[in-house]
N, C-alpha and C. Protein backbone atom coordinates (compact mmCIF):
# COMPACT_ATOMS: atom_id res chain seq x y z
N UNK A 1 28.69 14.61 76.63
CA UNK A 1 29.13 13.23 76.58
C UNK A 1 29.60 12.92 75.16
N UNK A 2 30.74 12.29 75.05
CA UNK A 2 31.30 11.96 73.75
C UNK A 2 30.64 10.74 73.17
N UNK A 3 30.59 10.71 71.83
CA UNK A 3 30.03 9.53 71.16
C UNK A 3 31.06 8.41 71.19
N UNK A 4 30.60 7.24 71.51
CA UNK A 4 31.48 6.08 71.57
C UNK A 4 31.60 5.47 70.18
N UNK A 5 32.66 4.68 69.99
CA UNK A 5 32.84 4.00 68.70
C UNK A 5 31.68 3.05 68.46
N UNK A 6 31.12 3.12 67.28
CA UNK A 6 29.99 2.26 66.95
C UNK A 6 28.66 2.85 67.35
N UNK A 7 28.66 3.98 68.02
CA UNK A 7 27.43 4.60 68.46
C UNK A 7 26.74 5.25 67.27
N UNK A 8 25.48 4.95 67.08
CA UNK A 8 24.76 5.51 65.94
C UNK A 8 24.07 6.82 66.30
N UNK A 9 24.00 7.15 67.54
CA UNK A 9 23.37 8.39 67.93
C UNK A 9 21.90 8.23 68.22
N UNK A 10 21.33 7.08 68.00
CA UNK A 10 19.90 6.87 68.23
C UNK A 10 19.62 6.66 69.71
N UNK A 11 20.44 5.91 70.36
CA UNK A 11 20.22 5.61 71.77
C UNK A 11 21.52 5.91 72.51
N UNK A 12 21.69 7.11 73.03
CA UNK A 12 22.98 7.50 73.59
C UNK A 12 23.40 6.68 74.81
N UNK A 13 22.52 5.99 75.43
CA UNK A 13 22.87 5.26 76.64
C UNK A 13 23.45 3.87 76.38
N UNK A 14 23.30 3.35 75.20
CA UNK A 14 23.76 1.99 74.92
C UNK A 14 24.84 1.99 73.85
N UNK A 15 25.82 1.16 74.07
CA UNK A 15 26.90 1.02 73.09
C UNK A 15 26.49 -0.03 72.08
N UNK A 16 26.83 0.20 70.80
CA UNK A 16 26.50 -0.73 69.74
C UNK A 16 27.79 -1.11 69.01
N UNK A 17 27.96 -2.40 68.73
CA UNK A 17 29.16 -2.87 68.03
C UNK A 17 29.23 -2.27 66.63
N UNK A 18 30.44 -1.96 66.16
CA UNK A 18 30.55 -1.42 64.79
C UNK A 18 30.14 -2.47 63.77
N UNK A 19 29.67 -2.01 62.65
CA UNK A 19 29.23 -2.92 61.59
C UNK A 19 30.46 -3.57 60.97
N UNK A 20 30.65 -4.85 61.22
CA UNK A 20 31.87 -5.52 60.76
C UNK A 20 31.72 -6.19 59.41
N UNK A 21 30.53 -6.23 58.85
CA UNK A 21 30.32 -6.93 57.59
C UNK A 21 30.21 -6.00 56.41
N UNK A 22 30.34 -4.74 56.58
CA UNK A 22 30.26 -3.81 55.46
C UNK A 22 28.84 -3.40 55.18
N UNK A 23 28.65 -2.72 54.11
CA UNK A 23 27.34 -2.20 53.74
C UNK A 23 26.44 -3.35 53.27
N UNK A 24 25.15 -3.19 53.46
CA UNK A 24 24.22 -4.23 52.98
C UNK A 24 24.24 -4.27 51.45
N UNK A 25 23.80 -5.38 50.88
CA UNK A 25 23.82 -5.48 49.41
C UNK A 25 22.91 -4.43 48.79
N UNK A 26 23.27 -4.04 47.59
CA UNK A 26 22.49 -3.02 46.89
C UNK A 26 21.11 -3.56 46.52
N UNK A 27 20.16 -2.68 46.53
CA UNK A 27 18.79 -3.06 46.18
C UNK A 27 18.71 -3.26 44.66
N UNK A 28 17.76 -4.09 44.21
CA UNK A 28 17.59 -4.25 42.76
C UNK A 28 17.17 -2.92 42.14
N UNK A 29 17.36 -2.76 40.85
CA UNK A 29 17.00 -1.49 40.23
C UNK A 29 15.52 -1.17 40.40
N UNK A 30 15.24 0.09 40.48
CA UNK A 30 13.86 0.54 40.69
C UNK A 30 13.02 0.25 39.45
N UNK A 31 11.72 0.31 39.62
CA UNK A 31 10.79 0.06 38.52
C UNK A 31 11.09 1.03 37.38
N UNK A 32 11.11 0.50 36.18
CA UNK A 32 11.34 1.35 35.03
C UNK A 32 12.77 1.29 34.52
N UNK A 33 13.69 0.83 35.35
CA UNK A 33 15.08 0.72 34.90
C UNK A 33 15.31 -0.71 34.41
N UNK A 34 15.84 -0.87 33.22
CA UNK A 34 16.03 -2.23 32.69
C UNK A 34 17.16 -2.95 33.41
N UNK A 35 16.99 -4.22 33.58
CA UNK A 35 18.03 -5.07 34.17
C UNK A 35 18.52 -6.01 33.08
N UNK A 36 19.79 -5.98 32.82
CA UNK A 36 20.38 -6.82 31.79
C UNK A 36 21.17 -7.93 32.45
N UNK A 37 20.73 -9.15 32.19
CA UNK A 37 21.46 -10.30 32.71
C UNK A 37 22.75 -10.48 31.92
N UNK A 38 23.77 -11.07 32.54
CA UNK A 38 24.99 -11.31 31.79
C UNK A 38 24.73 -12.23 30.59
N UNK A 39 25.47 -12.02 29.54
CA UNK A 39 25.29 -12.81 28.32
C UNK A 39 25.68 -14.26 28.57
N UNK A 40 24.88 -15.17 28.04
CA UNK A 40 25.18 -16.59 28.17
C UNK A 40 26.36 -16.93 27.27
N UNK A 41 27.21 -17.86 27.72
CA UNK A 41 28.33 -18.24 26.86
C UNK A 41 27.85 -18.87 25.57
N UNK A 42 28.53 -18.58 24.48
CA UNK A 42 28.14 -19.14 23.19
C UNK A 42 28.96 -20.38 22.90
N UNK A 43 28.48 -21.19 21.99
CA UNK A 43 29.18 -22.41 21.58
C UNK A 43 30.07 -22.09 20.39
N UNK A 44 31.26 -22.62 20.40
CA UNK A 44 32.21 -22.37 19.33
C UNK A 44 31.70 -22.93 18.01
N UNK A 45 31.68 -22.10 16.99
CA UNK A 45 31.26 -22.53 15.66
C UNK A 45 32.25 -23.53 15.06
N UNK A 46 33.53 -23.37 15.40
CA UNK A 46 34.53 -24.31 14.91
C UNK A 46 34.31 -25.70 15.50
N UNK A 47 33.92 -25.76 16.78
CA UNK A 47 33.66 -27.05 17.41
C UNK A 47 32.47 -27.74 16.76
N UNK A 48 31.43 -26.97 16.46
CA UNK A 48 30.25 -27.54 15.80
C UNK A 48 30.62 -28.06 14.41
N UNK A 49 31.35 -27.24 13.65
CA UNK A 49 31.75 -27.64 12.30
C UNK A 49 32.65 -28.87 12.34
N UNK A 50 33.56 -28.93 13.31
CA UNK A 50 34.45 -30.08 13.42
C UNK A 50 33.66 -31.36 13.69
N UNK A 51 32.67 -31.28 14.57
CA UNK A 51 31.88 -32.47 14.88
C UNK A 51 31.03 -32.90 13.68
N UNK A 52 30.46 -31.94 12.98
CA UNK A 52 29.65 -32.26 11.80
C UNK A 52 30.52 -32.92 10.73
N UNK A 53 31.70 -32.38 10.50
CA UNK A 53 32.60 -32.97 9.50
C UNK A 53 33.08 -34.35 9.92
N UNK A 54 33.40 -34.51 11.20
CA UNK A 54 33.88 -35.81 11.67
C UNK A 54 32.82 -36.89 11.51
N UNK A 55 31.59 -36.56 11.85
CA UNK A 55 30.50 -37.54 11.71
C UNK A 55 30.16 -37.73 10.23
N UNK A 56 30.15 -36.63 9.48
CA UNK A 56 29.83 -36.70 8.07
C UNK A 56 30.87 -37.43 7.25
N UNK A 57 32.08 -37.52 7.75
CA UNK A 57 33.13 -38.20 7.00
C UNK A 57 32.86 -39.70 6.86
N UNK A 58 32.00 -40.25 7.69
CA UNK A 58 31.63 -41.67 7.56
C UNK A 58 30.75 -41.89 6.32
N UNK A 59 30.00 -40.86 5.94
CA UNK A 59 29.07 -41.01 4.82
C UNK A 59 29.62 -40.47 3.51
N UNK A 60 30.47 -39.47 3.57
CA UNK A 60 30.94 -38.80 2.35
C UNK A 60 32.47 -38.75 2.39
N UNK A 61 33.09 -39.03 1.29
CA UNK A 61 34.53 -38.85 1.10
C UNK A 61 35.32 -39.12 2.39
N UNK A 62 35.69 -40.33 2.64
CA UNK A 62 36.13 -40.74 3.95
C UNK A 62 37.27 -39.99 4.62
N UNK A 63 38.29 -39.57 3.92
CA UNK A 63 39.47 -39.07 4.61
C UNK A 63 39.50 -37.54 4.74
N UNK A 64 39.18 -36.82 3.70
CA UNK A 64 39.33 -35.36 3.69
C UNK A 64 38.53 -34.67 4.80
N UNK A 65 37.24 -34.94 4.99
CA UNK A 65 36.51 -34.26 6.07
C UNK A 65 37.06 -34.59 7.45
N UNK A 66 37.56 -35.80 7.64
CA UNK A 66 38.11 -36.17 8.95
C UNK A 66 39.37 -35.38 9.25
N UNK A 67 40.21 -35.17 8.23
CA UNK A 67 41.43 -34.38 8.43
C UNK A 67 41.08 -32.93 8.73
N UNK A 68 40.13 -32.38 7.99
CA UNK A 68 39.69 -31.00 8.23
C UNK A 68 39.09 -30.88 9.64
N UNK A 69 38.35 -31.90 10.06
CA UNK A 69 37.76 -31.90 11.40
C UNK A 69 38.83 -31.85 12.48
N UNK A 70 39.94 -32.54 12.27
CA UNK A 70 41.03 -32.50 13.25
C UNK A 70 41.58 -31.09 13.40
N UNK A 71 41.79 -30.40 12.29
CA UNK A 71 42.30 -29.04 12.35
C UNK A 71 41.29 -28.08 12.97
N UNK A 72 40.02 -28.24 12.63
CA UNK A 72 38.98 -27.39 13.22
C UNK A 72 38.85 -27.62 14.72
N UNK A 73 38.97 -28.88 15.15
CA UNK A 73 38.87 -29.19 16.58
C UNK A 73 40.02 -28.54 17.35
N UNK A 74 41.21 -28.57 16.78
CA UNK A 74 42.35 -27.93 17.44
C UNK A 74 42.15 -26.42 17.53
N UNK A 75 41.66 -25.81 16.45
CA UNK A 75 41.38 -24.38 16.46
C UNK A 75 40.28 -24.01 17.44
N UNK A 76 39.28 -24.85 17.55
CA UNK A 76 38.17 -24.61 18.49
C UNK A 76 38.68 -24.66 19.93
N UNK A 77 39.55 -25.62 20.22
CA UNK A 77 40.09 -25.71 21.58
C UNK A 77 40.90 -24.47 21.93
N UNK A 78 41.69 -23.96 20.97
CA UNK A 78 42.45 -22.73 21.22
C UNK A 78 41.50 -21.55 21.46
N UNK A 79 40.45 -21.46 20.65
CA UNK A 79 39.49 -20.37 20.78
C UNK A 79 38.79 -20.42 22.14
N UNK A 80 38.41 -21.62 22.57
CA UNK A 80 37.69 -21.79 23.83
C UNK A 80 38.57 -21.43 25.01
N UNK A 81 39.81 -21.88 25.00
CA UNK A 81 40.72 -21.58 26.11
C UNK A 81 41.07 -20.10 26.17
N UNK A 82 41.17 -19.45 25.02
CA UNK A 82 41.52 -18.03 24.99
C UNK A 82 40.35 -17.13 25.38
N UNK A 83 39.13 -17.65 25.32
CA UNK A 83 37.96 -16.82 25.58
C UNK A 83 37.72 -16.55 27.06
N UNK A 84 38.32 -17.33 27.93
CA UNK A 84 38.12 -17.11 29.36
C UNK A 84 36.72 -17.45 29.83
N UNK A 85 36.06 -18.39 29.20
CA UNK A 85 34.73 -18.82 29.63
C UNK A 85 33.60 -18.24 28.81
N UNK A 86 33.90 -17.33 27.88
CA UNK A 86 32.85 -16.73 27.06
C UNK A 86 32.40 -17.66 25.95
N UNK A 87 33.23 -18.64 25.60
CA UNK A 87 32.91 -19.59 24.53
C UNK A 87 32.98 -21.00 25.09
N UNK A 88 31.97 -21.79 24.79
CA UNK A 88 31.92 -23.18 25.26
C UNK A 88 32.06 -24.13 24.08
N UNK A 89 32.16 -25.43 24.38
CA UNK A 89 32.18 -26.44 23.34
C UNK A 89 33.43 -27.29 23.33
N UNK A 90 34.21 -27.25 24.42
CA UNK A 90 35.44 -28.04 24.44
C UNK A 90 35.15 -29.53 24.35
N UNK A 91 34.09 -30.00 24.99
CA UNK A 91 33.76 -31.42 24.90
C UNK A 91 33.32 -31.79 23.48
N UNK A 92 32.68 -30.86 22.79
CA UNK A 92 32.28 -31.10 21.40
C UNK A 92 33.53 -31.20 20.52
N UNK A 93 34.52 -30.34 20.78
CA UNK A 93 35.76 -30.40 20.01
C UNK A 93 36.51 -31.70 20.30
N UNK A 94 36.49 -32.13 21.56
CA UNK A 94 37.14 -33.41 21.91
C UNK A 94 36.44 -34.58 21.22
N UNK A 95 35.12 -34.55 21.19
CA UNK A 95 34.37 -35.61 20.52
C UNK A 95 34.68 -35.64 19.03
N UNK A 96 34.77 -34.47 18.41
CA UNK A 96 35.11 -34.40 16.99
C UNK A 96 36.48 -34.98 16.73
N UNK A 97 37.41 -34.68 17.62
CA UNK A 97 38.78 -35.20 17.47
C UNK A 97 38.79 -36.72 17.56
N UNK A 98 38.08 -37.26 18.54
CA UNK A 98 38.04 -38.72 18.72
C UNK A 98 37.38 -39.39 17.53
N UNK A 99 36.24 -38.87 17.09
CA UNK A 99 35.52 -39.47 15.95
C UNK A 99 36.39 -39.42 14.69
N UNK A 100 37.07 -38.29 14.46
CA UNK A 100 37.92 -38.16 13.28
C UNK A 100 39.10 -39.14 13.34
N UNK A 101 39.71 -39.28 14.50
CA UNK A 101 40.84 -40.21 14.64
C UNK A 101 40.39 -41.65 14.42
N UNK A 102 39.24 -42.01 15.01
CA UNK A 102 38.72 -43.37 14.81
C UNK A 102 38.43 -43.60 13.34
N UNK A 103 37.84 -42.62 12.69
CA UNK A 103 37.52 -42.77 11.27
C UNK A 103 38.79 -42.91 10.43
N UNK A 104 39.80 -42.10 10.72
CA UNK A 104 41.05 -42.20 9.97
C UNK A 104 41.74 -43.54 10.21
N UNK A 105 41.65 -44.06 11.43
CA UNK A 105 42.24 -45.37 11.72
C UNK A 105 41.50 -46.47 10.96
N UNK A 106 40.18 -46.39 10.93
CA UNK A 106 39.41 -47.38 10.16
C UNK A 106 39.72 -47.28 8.67
N UNK A 107 39.85 -46.06 8.16
CA UNK A 107 40.18 -45.87 6.75
C UNK A 107 41.56 -46.45 6.44
N UNK A 108 42.51 -46.27 7.37
CA UNK A 108 43.85 -46.83 7.17
C UNK A 108 43.82 -48.36 7.13
N UNK A 109 43.00 -48.96 8.01
CA UNK A 109 42.87 -50.42 8.03
C UNK A 109 42.26 -50.91 6.71
N UNK A 110 41.23 -50.24 6.24
CA UNK A 110 40.58 -50.63 4.99
C UNK A 110 41.54 -50.48 3.81
N UNK A 111 42.28 -49.38 3.78
CA UNK A 111 43.25 -49.18 2.69
C UNK A 111 44.34 -50.25 2.74
N UNK A 112 44.83 -50.56 3.94
CA UNK A 112 45.85 -51.60 4.07
C UNK A 112 45.31 -52.95 3.61
N UNK A 113 44.05 -53.24 3.95
CA UNK A 113 43.44 -54.50 3.53
C UNK A 113 43.31 -54.55 2.01
N UNK A 114 42.90 -53.45 1.39
CA UNK A 114 42.77 -53.41 -0.07
C UNK A 114 44.14 -53.56 -0.76
N UNK A 115 45.15 -52.92 -0.22
CA UNK A 115 46.49 -53.07 -0.78
C UNK A 115 46.95 -54.52 -0.65
N UNK A 116 46.68 -55.14 0.48
CA UNK A 116 47.04 -56.55 0.68
C UNK A 116 46.32 -57.45 -0.33
N UNK A 117 45.04 -57.17 -0.58
CA UNK A 117 44.30 -57.95 -1.57
C UNK A 117 44.90 -57.80 -2.97
N UNK A 118 45.28 -56.58 -3.32
CA UNK A 118 45.88 -56.34 -4.64
C UNK A 118 47.22 -57.08 -4.74
N UNK A 119 48.03 -57.00 -3.70
CA UNK A 119 49.34 -57.67 -3.73
C UNK A 119 49.16 -59.18 -3.82
N UNK A 120 48.24 -59.74 -3.05
CA UNK A 120 47.98 -61.17 -3.08
C UNK A 120 47.42 -61.55 -4.44
N UNK A 121 46.56 -60.75 -5.01
CA UNK A 121 45.98 -61.03 -6.33
C UNK A 121 47.05 -61.03 -7.41
N UNK A 122 47.95 -60.05 -7.35
CA UNK A 122 49.02 -59.97 -8.34
C UNK A 122 49.97 -61.17 -8.19
N UNK A 123 50.28 -61.50 -6.95
CA UNK A 123 51.19 -62.63 -6.71
C UNK A 123 50.57 -63.95 -7.16
N UNK A 124 49.28 -64.13 -6.92
CA UNK A 124 48.64 -65.39 -7.31
C UNK A 124 48.47 -65.47 -8.82
N UNK A 125 48.27 -64.35 -9.50
CA UNK A 125 48.12 -64.40 -10.96
C UNK A 125 49.47 -64.68 -11.64
N UNK A 126 50.53 -64.28 -11.05
CA UNK A 126 51.85 -64.55 -11.62
C UNK A 126 52.26 -66.01 -11.40
N UNK A 127 51.84 -66.56 -10.27
CA UNK A 127 52.23 -67.94 -9.99
C UNK A 127 51.41 -68.94 -10.79
N UNK A 128 50.19 -68.56 -11.19
CA UNK A 128 49.35 -69.48 -11.96
C UNK A 128 49.54 -69.33 -13.47
N UNK A 129 50.06 -68.24 -13.91
CA UNK A 129 50.14 -68.02 -15.34
C UNK A 129 51.49 -68.05 -15.87
C-alpha cells in the first residue's frame, strides 16, 4: 500500500492533513548556553546636550547656548533618523529646539525693548537740553 500525502507512517489506516503552518517554533537554548537579549536602544548624546544647553541658556549667557542647542538638535534628529531605531531621543531634540527658539524670541524682544529705551532716552535728552 502506498503512503498517502500527509501520512506520517504511524497509523497507516488513517489519512492526516499535511502540516500547513510550518515547523513549530524553536525551543529556548538548553541549560548552560547563554541567551543574549537584543540591545536596548540608546539615547542620542546630541539630543541630551541640546536640551541641557537650551534650558541652561536661560541662566547663563542668553543667546550663544540657545544657538548651539539648535544646531545640536538638528544633528541629533539626523542621527536618530539614520540609526533605524537603534538611537532614541527625537522628542528630546524637538523639545530642545522649541525651548531654544522660545528663548531666542524672548531675547530678541528684550533686546528690542532695550534699544527702544536707548533711542527714547537719547531723543528725550536732546529735546530737553
